[in-house]
Structures are given as C-alpha cells and as structure tokens.
Amino acid sequence: MPTISIFYGILVQMFFDDHAPPHFHVRYAEYRAQINIQTLEIIEGNLPRTALSLVRQWATEHQAELVENWTLCVQMQSPKKIAPLP
C-alpha cells in the first residue's frame, strides 16, 4: 500500500484497486482509519480527535489530489505523493 504523505507521525496511504467509496487509509501509532475523500468522515476505524483534525485539515487542502490519486489506484497505477502539513 503506497504511502502518499507523512506528517506529525500520521501516515496516509492508498490501496490499489480498493473498494468504493473513494477513501484513503490513515495510520497513527496503534490507530487505523479509512476516511471518505468527499465527506472526510471516518468510514472504518478510529483516530484520536487531534489526529483526525489534522487529517481533515490536510485532506481539505488536498482534496483534488486525493481524487486524482484514487483514480490512479483504481487503474492500478501508483498514486502521487502529496505535500504534508507544514
């Protein structure tokens, strides 16, 4: 599973040929979550409140890139790296 961004100990990843709805995976310490790209809501798993807030801030800034990466992954192509939060 390619890691597309890392910030504050948070890993953002996407699977190739993953299931709908369009989403990305987040790993933070022992926490795991899948986040819907459109709504930025947790589909599965959980994250601490602060980590979720940072992920949502990052995803809001990079939503178009996330959609593009989703399309690449569905086509079994490598997603592009996305800049982390400053």
C-alpha atoms as a PDB file:
ATOM      1  CA  MET A   1       0.000   0.000   0.000  1.00  0.00           C
ATOM      2  CA  PRO A   2       1.728   3.195  -1.139  1.00  0.00           C
ATOM      3  CA  THR A   3       2.244   5.934   1.420  1.00  0.00           C
ATOM      4  CA  ILE A   4       1.271   9.239  -0.180  1.00  0.00           C
ATOM      5  CA  SER A   5       2.026  11.591   2.722  1.00  0.00           C
ATOM      6  CA  ILE A   6       3.515  11.625   6.219  1.00  0.00           C
ATOM      7  CA  PHE A   7       3.099  14.402   8.782  1.00  0.00           C
ATOM      8  CA  TYR A   8       3.218  14.563  12.588  1.00  0.00           C
ATOM      9  CA  GLY A   9       3.599  10.774  12.764  1.00  0.00           C
ATOM     10  CA  ILE A  10       0.483  10.261  10.609  1.00  0.00           C
ATOM     11  CA  LEU A  11       0.835   8.024   7.543  1.00  0.00           C
ATOM     12  CA  VAL A  12      -1.657   8.498   4.704  1.00  0.00           C
ATOM     13  CA  GLN A  13      -1.905   5.566   2.325  1.00  0.00           C
ATOM     14  CA  MET A  14      -3.988   4.275  -0.575  1.00  0.00           C
ATOM     15  CA  PHE A  15      -4.559   0.706  -1.797  1.00  0.00           C
ATOM     16  CA  PHE A  16      -4.505  -0.317  -5.437  1.00  0.00           C
ATOM     17  CA  ASP A  17      -7.933  -1.358  -6.794  1.00  0.00           C
ATOM     18  CA  ASP A  18      -9.644  -0.563  -3.461  1.00  0.00           C
ATOM     19  CA  HIS A  19     -13.398  -0.703  -2.825  1.00  0.00           C
ATOM     20  CA  ALA A  20     -15.805   2.241  -3.095  1.00  0.00           C
ATOM     21  CA  PRO A  21     -16.498   4.832  -1.781  1.00  0.00           C
ATOM     22  CA  PRO A  22     -13.307   6.733  -2.629  1.00  0.00           C
ATOM     23  CA  HIS A  23     -11.216   6.869   0.533  1.00  0.00           C
ATOM     24  CA  PHE A  24      -7.723   6.841   1.975  1.00  0.00           C
ATOM     25  CA  HIS A  25      -6.188   4.971   4.883  1.00  0.00           C
ATOM     26  CA  VAL A  26      -4.610   6.623   7.899  1.00  0.00           C
ATOM     27  CA  ARG A  27      -2.191   5.054  10.365  1.00  0.00           C
ATOM     28  CA  TYR A  28      -1.249   6.838  13.557  1.00  0.00           C
ATOM     29  CA  ALA A  29       0.508   4.881  16.329  1.00  0.00           C
ATOM     30  CA  GLU A  30      -1.841   1.959  17.108  1.00  0.00           C
ATOM     31  CA  TYR A  31      -4.816   3.659  15.416  1.00  0.00           C
ATOM     32  CA  ARG A  32      -6.133   2.881  11.927  1.00  0.00           C
ATOM     33  CA  ALA A  33      -8.929   4.546   9.972  1.00  0.00           C
ATOM     34  CA  GLN A  34     -10.393   4.832   6.497  1.00  0.00           C
ATOM     35  CA  ILE A  35     -11.501   8.354   5.562  1.00  0.00           C
ATOM     36  CA  ASN A  36     -14.051   9.163   2.839  1.00  0.00           C
ATOM     37  CA  ILE A  37     -12.453  11.606   0.375  1.00  0.00           C
ATOM     38  CA  GLN A  38     -15.670  13.550  -0.284  1.00  0.00           C
ATOM     39  CA  THR A  39     -17.083  13.865   3.245  1.00  0.00           C
ATOM     40  CA  LEU A  40     -13.849  13.457   5.253  1.00  0.00           C
ATOM     41  CA  GLU A  41     -15.800  11.241   7.662  1.00  0.00           C
ATOM     42  CA  ILE A  42     -14.371   8.031   9.117  1.00  0.00           C
ATOM     43  CA  ILE A  43     -15.706   5.007   7.227  1.00  0.00           C
ATOM     44  CA  GLU A  44     -13.999   2.464   9.445  1.00  0.00           C
ATOM     45  CA  GLY A  45     -11.664   2.508  12.433  1.00  0.00           C
ATOM     46  CA  ASN A  46     -10.868   5.417  14.705  1.00  0.00           C
ATOM     47  CA  LEU A  47      -8.323   8.139  15.390  1.00  0.00           C
ATOM     48  CA  PRO A  48      -7.679  10.432  18.347  1.00  0.00           C
ATOM     49  CA  ARG A  49      -9.505  13.743  17.997  1.00  0.00           C
ATOM     50  CA  THR A  50      -6.337  15.790  17.376  1.00  0.00           C
ATOM     51  CA  ALA A  51      -5.031  13.395  14.711  1.00  0.00           C
ATOM     52  CA  LEU A  52      -8.425  13.365  12.973  1.00  0.00           C
ATOM     53  CA  SER A  53      -8.476  17.167  12.986  1.00  0.00           C
ATOM     54  CA  LEU A  54      -5.015  17.290  11.378  1.00  0.00           C
ATOM     55  CA  VAL A  55      -6.011  14.696   8.776  1.00  0.00           C
ATOM     56  CA  ARG A  56      -9.165  16.635   7.887  1.00  0.00           C
ATOM     57  CA  GLN A  57      -7.207  19.900   7.596  1.00  0.00           C
ATOM     58  CA  TRP A  58      -4.669  18.204   5.304  1.00  0.00           C
ATOM     59  CA  ALA A  59      -7.344  16.437   3.229  1.00  0.00           C
ATOM     60  CA  THR A  60      -9.336  19.648   2.762  1.00  0.00           C
ATOM     61  CA  GLU A  61      -6.242  21.320   1.321  1.00  0.00           C
ATOM     62  CA  HIS A  62      -5.506  18.364  -0.982  1.00  0.00           C
ATOM     63  CA  GLN A  63      -8.945  17.008  -1.888  1.00  0.00           C
ATOM     64  CA  ALA A  64      -8.440  17.316  -5.668  1.00  0.00           C
ATOM     65  CA  GLU A  65      -5.116  15.473  -5.416  1.00  0.00           C
ATOM     66  CA  LEU A  66      -6.759  12.739  -3.354  1.00  0.00           C
ATOM     67  CA  VAL A  67      -9.445  12.275  -6.013  1.00  0.00           C
ATOM     68  CA  GLU A  68      -6.752  12.088  -8.687  1.00  0.00           C
ATOM     69  CA  ASN A  69      -4.818   9.518  -6.656  1.00  0.00           C
ATOM     70  CA  TRP A  70      -7.979   7.462  -6.136  1.00  0.00           C
ATOM     71  CA  THR A  71      -8.448   7.316  -9.913  1.00  0.00           C
ATOM     72  CA  LEU A  72      -4.826   6.234 -10.369  1.00  0.00           C
ATOM     73  CA  CYS A  73      -5.162   3.485  -7.758  1.00  0.00           C
ATOM     74  CA  VAL A  74      -8.374   2.155  -9.312  1.00  0.00           C
ATOM     75  CA  GLN A  75      -6.429   1.912 -12.593  1.00  0.00           C
ATOM     76  CA  MET A  76      -3.650   0.020 -10.745  1.00  0.00           C
ATOM     77  CA  GLN A  77      -1.222   2.934 -11.183  1.00  0.00           C
ATOM     78  CA  SER A  78       0.977   4.392  -8.487  1.00  0.00           C
ATOM     79  CA  PRO A  79      -0.523   7.383  -6.682  1.00  0.00           C
ATOM     80  CA  LYS A  80       1.438  10.624  -6.479  1.00  0.00           C
ATOM     81  CA  LYS A  81       2.999  11.923  -3.279  1.00  0.00           C
ATOM     82  CA  ILE A  82       1.077  14.772  -1.641  1.00  0.00           C
ATOM     83  CA  ALA A  83       2.748  17.502   0.411  1.00  0.00           C
ATOM     84  CA  PRO A  84       2.411  17.137   4.180  1.00  0.00           C
ATOM     85  CA  LEU A  85       1.051  19.737   6.553  1.00  0.00           C
ATOM     86  CA  PRO A  86       3.701  22.381   7.254  1.00  0.00           C
END
